[in-house]
């Protein structure tokens, strides 16, 4: 029998990603046993403390075993952490070392949401792609610059390491892992029982763009503020660079380094975010919203909107606007 470990790190973490992963995987195990007459996996919760409290002691989780008692496992699921990452990492150093040993011994690792911070602390994500909650992608990127953050992606799968986007999107990761570790039939069964959409790969429609200002370049911050307050205008990047007395090539380089986007991409994201708000809260047509956010070409607007959100403007409006 193979082994799956669901970690219970010390600290105030996300109980839903622990309980949800355990519930779905044990149900997959039961389905397999009913149809194949064998149990493929031994699924255990493991940590470094006998009990971990959640939500101020309202809930607690008691791991089945200490991580030191697991000599070898085949898959480790790392749940979402709290938002005090430094404290979470400092309080789970034995877990970080154990993860490195298990991966070296052939185990695969899967992180949920901000569990990517704990996974990245092992160094195993260096040079690899990674997803996490879109709201913390900037913080993650600053803390781990050697990791290629793909905040639009719902799931990454590279070299036996899996990561996923934020919050309850971990359910899609677990269904993805069920298909990997069991089979497609079992994954479909679990998706139907737990009513989780199968084969979802993007968190783009859920991203709320708030700008990327977790950097120290004050000139670029001023440029960002200018773009955000003048998004309805036709902004010339050449003129914007001149406005802040920076050469165009140097301006682009500094902007990309600070935000991860070119100035043009940043302006597009600001415009699209304003368009999303308009679609959600008003009865304006696509053409009206397009003009409001500074576009005059319908085709160009649709292409940019779909590239940023993953869905066409009309589909977005129909999904989120309720008269």
Protein backbone atom coordinates (compact mmCIF):
# COMPACT_ATOMS: atom_id res chain seq x y z
CA UNK A 1 0.00 0.00 0.00
CA UNK A 2 1.31 3.46 -0.96
CA UNK A 3 1.25 6.43 1.39
CA UNK A 4 -0.19 9.97 1.18
CA UNK A 5 0.65 12.54 3.84
CA UNK A 6 -1.40 15.65 4.57
CA UNK A 7 0.68 18.05 6.62
CA UNK A 8 -0.64 19.87 9.66
CA UNK A 9 1.98 22.62 10.17
CA UNK A 10 2.24 24.42 13.47
CA UNK A 11 0.49 27.76 13.67
CA UNK A 12 -2.87 29.26 12.75
CA UNK A 13 -3.31 27.80 9.28
CA UNK A 14 -6.22 26.95 6.98
CA UNK A 15 -8.21 24.03 8.36
CA UNK A 16 -10.40 23.74 5.26
CA UNK A 17 -7.53 22.68 2.99
CA UNK A 18 -6.54 19.99 5.50
CA UNK A 19 -10.05 18.64 6.09
CA UNK A 20 -11.08 19.01 2.44
CA UNK A 21 -8.04 17.17 1.11
CA UNK A 22 -8.53 14.36 3.64
CA UNK A 23 -12.25 14.03 2.87
CA UNK A 24 -11.84 13.84 -0.93
CA UNK A 25 -8.83 11.51 -0.87
CA UNK A 26 -10.42 9.09 1.60
CA UNK A 27 -13.57 9.06 -0.54
CA UNK A 28 -11.46 8.27 -3.60
CA UNK A 29 -9.87 5.46 -1.60
CA UNK A 30 -13.31 4.08 -0.70
CA UNK A 31 -14.53 4.26 -4.29
CA UNK A 32 -11.44 2.40 -5.48
CA UNK A 33 -11.95 -0.27 -2.81
CA UNK A 34 -15.61 -0.70 -3.78
CA UNK A 35 -14.72 -1.19 -7.44
CA UNK A 36 -11.25 -2.79 -7.30
CA UNK A 37 -11.56 -4.60 -3.95
CA UNK A 38 -8.34 -3.13 -2.60
CA UNK A 39 -7.26 0.05 -0.80
CA UNK A 40 -4.47 1.76 -2.75
CA UNK A 41 -3.35 4.41 -0.26
CA UNK A 42 -2.76 4.85 3.44
CA UNK A 43 -3.73 8.49 4.08
CA UNK A 44 -2.43 10.18 7.23
CA UNK A 45 -2.32 13.62 8.76
CA UNK A 46 1.17 14.37 10.04
CA UNK A 47 2.70 17.25 11.98
CA UNK A 48 5.22 18.20 14.63
CA UNK A 49 2.72 18.79 17.46
CA UNK A 50 0.11 16.45 19.00
CA UNK A 51 -2.62 19.01 18.31
CA UNK A 52 -2.90 22.28 16.37
CA UNK A 53 -5.59 24.88 17.12
CA UNK A 54 -7.46 26.91 14.52
CA UNK A 55 -9.57 30.06 14.71
CA UNK A 56 -8.60 30.93 18.25
CA UNK A 57 -9.11 27.41 19.58
CA UNK A 58 -12.58 26.99 18.08
CA UNK A 59 -11.29 23.99 16.13
CA UNK A 60 -8.30 21.73 16.54
CA UNK A 61 -6.64 19.07 14.42
CA UNK A 62 -4.83 16.08 15.91
CA UNK A 63 -2.37 14.58 13.40
CA UNK A 64 -2.31 10.80 13.17
CA UNK A 65 1.47 10.74 13.45
CA UNK A 66 4.56 12.87 13.92
CA UNK A 67 6.43 13.49 10.68
CA UNK A 68 9.46 11.70 12.16
CA UNK A 69 7.41 8.49 12.20
CA UNK A 70 6.98 8.56 8.41
CA UNK A 71 10.09 7.09 6.88
CA UNK A 72 8.77 7.25 3.33
CA UNK A 73 5.68 8.68 1.65
CA UNK A 74 4.63 9.03 -1.97
CA UNK A 75 2.74 12.33 -1.88
CA UNK A 76 2.79 15.22 0.60
CA UNK A 77 0.05 17.86 0.61
CA UNK A 78 1.01 21.19 2.19
CA UNK A 79 -2.06 23.20 3.30
CA UNK A 80 -2.58 26.93 3.13
CA UNK A 81 -0.70 28.94 5.78
CA UNK A 82 -1.75 31.98 7.73
CA UNK A 83 -0.60 35.38 6.47
CA UNK A 84 2.20 35.79 9.02
CA UNK A 85 4.63 33.96 6.77
CA UNK A 86 7.79 34.70 8.74
CA UNK A 87 6.28 33.24 11.90
CA UNK A 88 4.89 30.26 9.99
CA UNK A 89 8.27 29.49 8.42
CA UNK A 90 10.16 30.00 11.69
CA UNK A 91 7.79 27.68 13.53
CA UNK A 92 8.00 24.89 10.98
CA UNK A 93 11.72 24.43 10.29
CA UNK A 94 11.57 20.67 11.05
CA UNK A 95 8.78 20.38 8.44
CA UNK A 96 10.88 22.22 5.84
CA UNK A 97 13.82 19.86 6.39
CA UNK A 98 11.54 16.81 6.32
CA UNK A 99 10.05 17.93 2.99
CA UNK A 100 13.52 18.13 1.45
CA UNK A 101 14.35 14.62 2.63
CA UNK A 102 11.06 13.17 1.36
CA UNK A 103 11.45 14.77 -2.07
CA UNK A 104 15.00 13.45 -2.31
CA UNK A 105 13.60 10.00 -1.48
CA UNK A 106 11.11 10.16 -4.36
CA UNK A 107 8.01 11.74 -2.81
CA UNK A 108 5.95 14.26 -4.79
CA UNK A 109 4.93 17.52 -3.10
CA UNK A 110 1.75 19.56 -3.54
CA UNK A 111 1.12 22.99 -2.00
CA UNK A 112 -2.25 24.62 -1.47
CA UNK A 113 -2.59 28.40 -1.85
CA UNK A 114 -0.07 30.10 0.49
CA UNK A 115 1.37 26.71 1.40
CA UNK A 116 3.67 27.61 -1.50
CA UNK A 117 5.61 29.82 0.96
CA UNK A 118 6.48 26.76 3.04
CA UNK A 119 7.30 24.73 -0.07
CA UNK A 120 9.51 27.51 -1.49
CA UNK A 121 11.43 27.69 1.80
CA UNK A 122 12.86 24.26 0.96
CA UNK A 123 14.54 25.68 -2.15
CA UNK A 124 12.89 22.97 -4.24
CA UNK A 125 10.88 25.52 -6.23
CA UNK A 126 13.92 27.47 -7.39
CA UNK A 127 13.93 27.62 -11.17
CA UNK A 128 10.43 26.14 -11.35
CA UNK A 129 6.97 27.58 -11.98
CA UNK A 130 4.61 28.08 -9.08
CA UNK A 131 1.10 29.33 -8.42
CA UNK A 132 -0.33 30.78 -5.23
CA UNK A 133 -3.20 33.07 -4.27
CA UNK A 134 -3.21 36.04 -6.66
CA UNK A 135 -3.42 38.44 -3.70
CA UNK A 136 -0.06 37.25 -2.33
CA UNK A 137 1.81 36.63 -5.58
CA UNK A 138 3.69 39.92 -5.25
CA UNK A 139 4.81 39.17 -1.69
CA UNK A 140 5.81 35.67 -2.74
CA UNK A 141 7.78 36.94 -5.73
CA UNK A 142 9.72 39.40 -3.57
CA UNK A 143 10.50 36.75 -0.97
CA UNK A 144 11.44 34.06 -3.49
CA UNK A 145 12.76 35.81 -6.64
CA UNK A 146 14.24 32.55 -7.98
CA UNK A 147 10.77 31.04 -8.39
CA UNK A 148 8.72 31.74 -11.54
CA UNK A 149 5.34 32.82 -10.13
CA UNK A 150 2.42 32.11 -12.47
CA UNK A 151 -0.43 33.80 -10.63
CA UNK A 152 -2.90 33.31 -13.49
CA UNK A 153 -2.54 29.53 -13.34
CA UNK A 154 -4.75 27.44 -11.12
CA UNK A 155 -2.37 24.46 -11.04
CA UNK A 156 1.29 23.95 -11.89
CA UNK A 157 2.82 20.51 -12.36
CA UNK A 158 6.59 20.27 -12.72
CA UNK A 159 9.18 17.68 -11.68
CA UNK A 160 6.90 16.01 -9.15
CA UNK A 161 5.91 19.31 -7.53
CA UNK A 162 2.36 20.68 -7.73
CA UNK A 163 1.12 24.10 -6.67
CA UNK A 164 -2.25 25.78 -6.92
CA UNK A 165 -4.00 29.14 -6.71
CA UNK A 166 -5.88 30.58 -3.79
CA UNK A 167 -8.53 29.75 -1.25
CA UNK A 168 -11.01 27.01 -2.17
CA UNK A 169 -9.40 26.40 -5.54
CA UNK A 170 -7.47 23.72 -3.63
CA UNK A 171 -10.48 21.50 -4.38
CA UNK A 172 -9.50 21.53 -8.06
CA UNK A 173 -5.94 20.58 -7.15
CA UNK A 174 -7.15 17.61 -5.12
CA UNK A 175 -9.36 16.41 -7.99
CA UNK A 176 -6.32 16.81 -10.28
CA UNK A 177 -4.27 14.68 -7.88
CA UNK A 178 -7.02 12.07 -7.64
CA UNK A 179 -6.78 11.61 -11.39
CA UNK A 180 -2.98 11.40 -11.15
CA UNK A 181 -2.91 8.97 -8.25
CA UNK A 182 -6.07 6.96 -8.92
CA UNK A 183 -7.54 7.36 -12.41
CA UNK A 184 -9.85 9.52 -14.51
CA UNK A 185 -12.94 7.53 -13.54
CA UNK A 186 -12.31 8.12 -9.84
CA UNK A 187 -11.63 11.81 -10.43
CA UNK A 188 -14.93 12.21 -12.29
CA UNK A 189 -16.76 10.36 -9.52
CA UNK A 190 -15.27 12.64 -6.84
CA UNK A 191 -15.97 15.76 -8.90
CA UNK A 192 -19.63 14.74 -9.07
CA UNK A 193 -19.97 13.70 -5.43
CA UNK A 194 -18.33 16.89 -4.13
CA UNK A 195 -19.68 19.04 -7.01
CA UNK A 196 -16.29 20.37 -8.02
CA UNK A 197 -15.80 21.43 -11.62
CA UNK A 198 -13.23 19.15 -13.23
CA UNK A 199 -10.43 20.32 -15.55
CA UNK A 200 -10.34 23.95 -14.42
CA UNK A 201 -6.91 25.41 -15.07
CA UNK A 202 -7.07 29.18 -14.53
CA UNK A 203 -7.82 31.62 -11.72
CA UNK A 204 -7.75 34.61 -14.08
CA UNK A 205 -11.47 35.50 -13.78
CA UNK A 206 -11.09 35.82 -10.01
CA UNK A 207 -8.08 38.12 -9.93
CA UNK A 208 -8.72 41.62 -8.57
CA UNK A 209 -5.95 43.84 -9.91
CA UNK A 210 -4.80 46.26 -7.22
CA UNK A 211 -1.49 47.24 -8.73
CA UNK A 212 1.91 45.83 -7.83
CA UNK A 213 3.39 48.31 -5.38
CA UNK A 214 5.40 46.12 -3.06
CA UNK A 215 8.64 47.64 -4.29
CA UNK A 216 10.87 50.58 -3.40
CA UNK A 217 11.07 52.44 -6.73
CA UNK A 218 9.26 55.70 -5.91
CA UNK A 219 9.39 56.99 -9.50
CA UNK A 220 7.63 53.85 -10.78
CA UNK A 221 5.05 54.14 -7.98
CA UNK A 222 4.29 57.66 -9.15
CA UNK A 223 4.00 56.40 -12.72
CA UNK A 224 1.61 53.68 -11.56
CA UNK A 225 -0.51 56.26 -9.75
CA UNK A 226 -0.60 58.39 -12.89
CA UNK A 227 -1.74 55.45 -15.02
CA UNK A 228 -4.42 54.52 -12.49
CA UNK A 229 -5.86 58.04 -12.36
CA UNK A 230 -5.65 58.66 -16.11
CA UNK A 231 -6.65 55.22 -17.43
CA UNK A 232 -9.43 56.74 -19.56
CA UNK A 233 -6.85 58.72 -21.52
CA UNK A 234 -4.64 57.58 -24.37
CA UNK A 235 -1.39 57.36 -22.41
CA UNK A 236 1.85 57.63 -24.32
CA UNK A 237 4.53 55.60 -22.53
CA UNK A 238 7.17 57.80 -24.16
CA UNK A 239 5.50 60.89 -22.69
CA UNK A 240 5.07 59.15 -19.34
CA UNK A 241 8.78 58.35 -19.17
CA UNK A 242 9.60 61.98 -20.06
CA UNK A 243 7.18 63.19 -17.41
CA UNK A 244 9.35 61.52 -14.78
CA UNK A 245 12.62 62.45 -16.49
CA UNK A 246 13.58 58.86 -17.27
CA UNK A 247 14.76 57.53 -20.63
CA UNK A 248 12.22 55.24 -22.31
CA UNK A 249 14.42 52.12 -22.28
CA UNK A 250 15.42 52.63 -18.64
CA UNK A 251 11.81 53.41 -17.72
CA UNK A 252 10.59 50.13 -19.24
CA UNK A 253 13.35 48.19 -17.51
CA UNK A 254 12.60 49.71 -14.09
CA UNK A 255 8.84 49.27 -14.54
CA UNK A 256 9.19 45.58 -15.39
CA UNK A 257 11.59 44.99 -12.50
CA UNK A 258 9.24 46.71 -10.03
CA UNK A 259 5.86 45.37 -11.17
CA UNK A 260 6.47 42.35 -13.36
CA UNK A 261 4.59 44.06 -16.19
CA UNK A 262 5.59 46.41 -18.98
CA UNK A 263 4.00 49.89 -18.70
CA UNK A 264 1.61 48.98 -21.54
CA UNK A 265 0.58 45.72 -19.84
CA UNK A 266 0.04 47.59 -16.57
CA UNK A 267 -2.18 50.18 -18.27
CA UNK A 268 -4.16 47.37 -19.92
CA UNK A 269 -4.71 45.63 -16.57
CA UNK A 270 -5.90 48.90 -14.99
CA UNK A 271 -8.35 49.48 -17.86
CA UNK A 272 -9.63 45.89 -17.73
CA UNK A 273 -10.16 46.09 -13.96
CA UNK A 274 -12.25 49.23 -14.44
CA UNK A 275 -14.19 47.47 -17.21
CA UNK A 276 -14.85 44.48 -14.94
CA UNK A 277 -16.29 46.77 -12.25
CA UNK A 278 -18.54 48.42 -14.83
CA UNK A 279 -19.82 45.07 -16.11
CA UNK A 280 -20.52 43.92 -12.55
CA UNK A 281 -22.37 47.03 -11.37
CA UNK A 282 -24.00 48.71 -14.38
CA UNK A 283 -26.20 47.99 -17.36
CA UNK A 284 -23.80 49.57 -19.82
CA UNK A 285 -23.16 47.83 -23.10
CA UNK A 286 -19.76 46.47 -24.08
CA UNK A 287 -19.24 49.46 -26.40
CA UNK A 288 -20.12 51.94 -23.64
CA UNK A 289 -17.74 50.31 -21.17
CA UNK A 290 -15.05 50.11 -23.83
CA UNK A 291 -15.21 53.86 -24.44
CA UNK A 292 -15.34 54.59 -20.71
CA UNK A 293 -12.02 52.85 -20.11
CA UNK A 294 -10.28 54.48 -23.05
CA UNK A 295 -10.62 52.00 -25.91
CA UNK A 296 -12.01 52.88 -29.34
CA UNK A 297 -11.44 49.57 -31.11
CA UNK A 298 -13.89 46.80 -30.15
CA UNK A 299 -11.64 44.02 -31.43
CA UNK A 300 -8.63 45.29 -29.50
CA UNK A 301 -10.70 45.68 -26.32
CA UNK A 302 -12.08 42.15 -26.56
CA UNK A 303 -8.64 40.66 -27.17
CA UNK A 304 -7.05 42.46 -24.21
CA UNK A 305 -9.99 41.71 -21.91
CA UNK A 306 -9.91 38.00 -22.72
CA UNK A 307 -6.13 37.81 -22.37
CA UNK A 308 -6.26 39.39 -18.91
CA UNK A 309 -9.38 37.67 -17.52
CA UNK A 310 -9.49 34.45 -19.51
CA UNK A 311 -13.05 35.11 -20.72
CA UNK A 312 -14.63 37.42 -23.35
CA UNK A 313 -16.33 40.65 -22.14
CA UNK A 314 -19.85 39.38 -22.91
CA UNK A 315 -19.31 36.15 -20.97
CA UNK A 316 -17.93 38.09 -18.01
CA UNK A 317 -20.88 40.48 -18.02
CA UNK A 318 -23.41 37.65 -18.22
CA UNK A 319 -21.75 35.80 -15.34
CA UNK A 320 -21.33 38.64 -12.87
CA UNK A 321 -24.06 41.16 -13.65
CA UNK A 322 -27.51 40.64 -12.17
CA UNK A 323 -30.12 43.27 -13.01
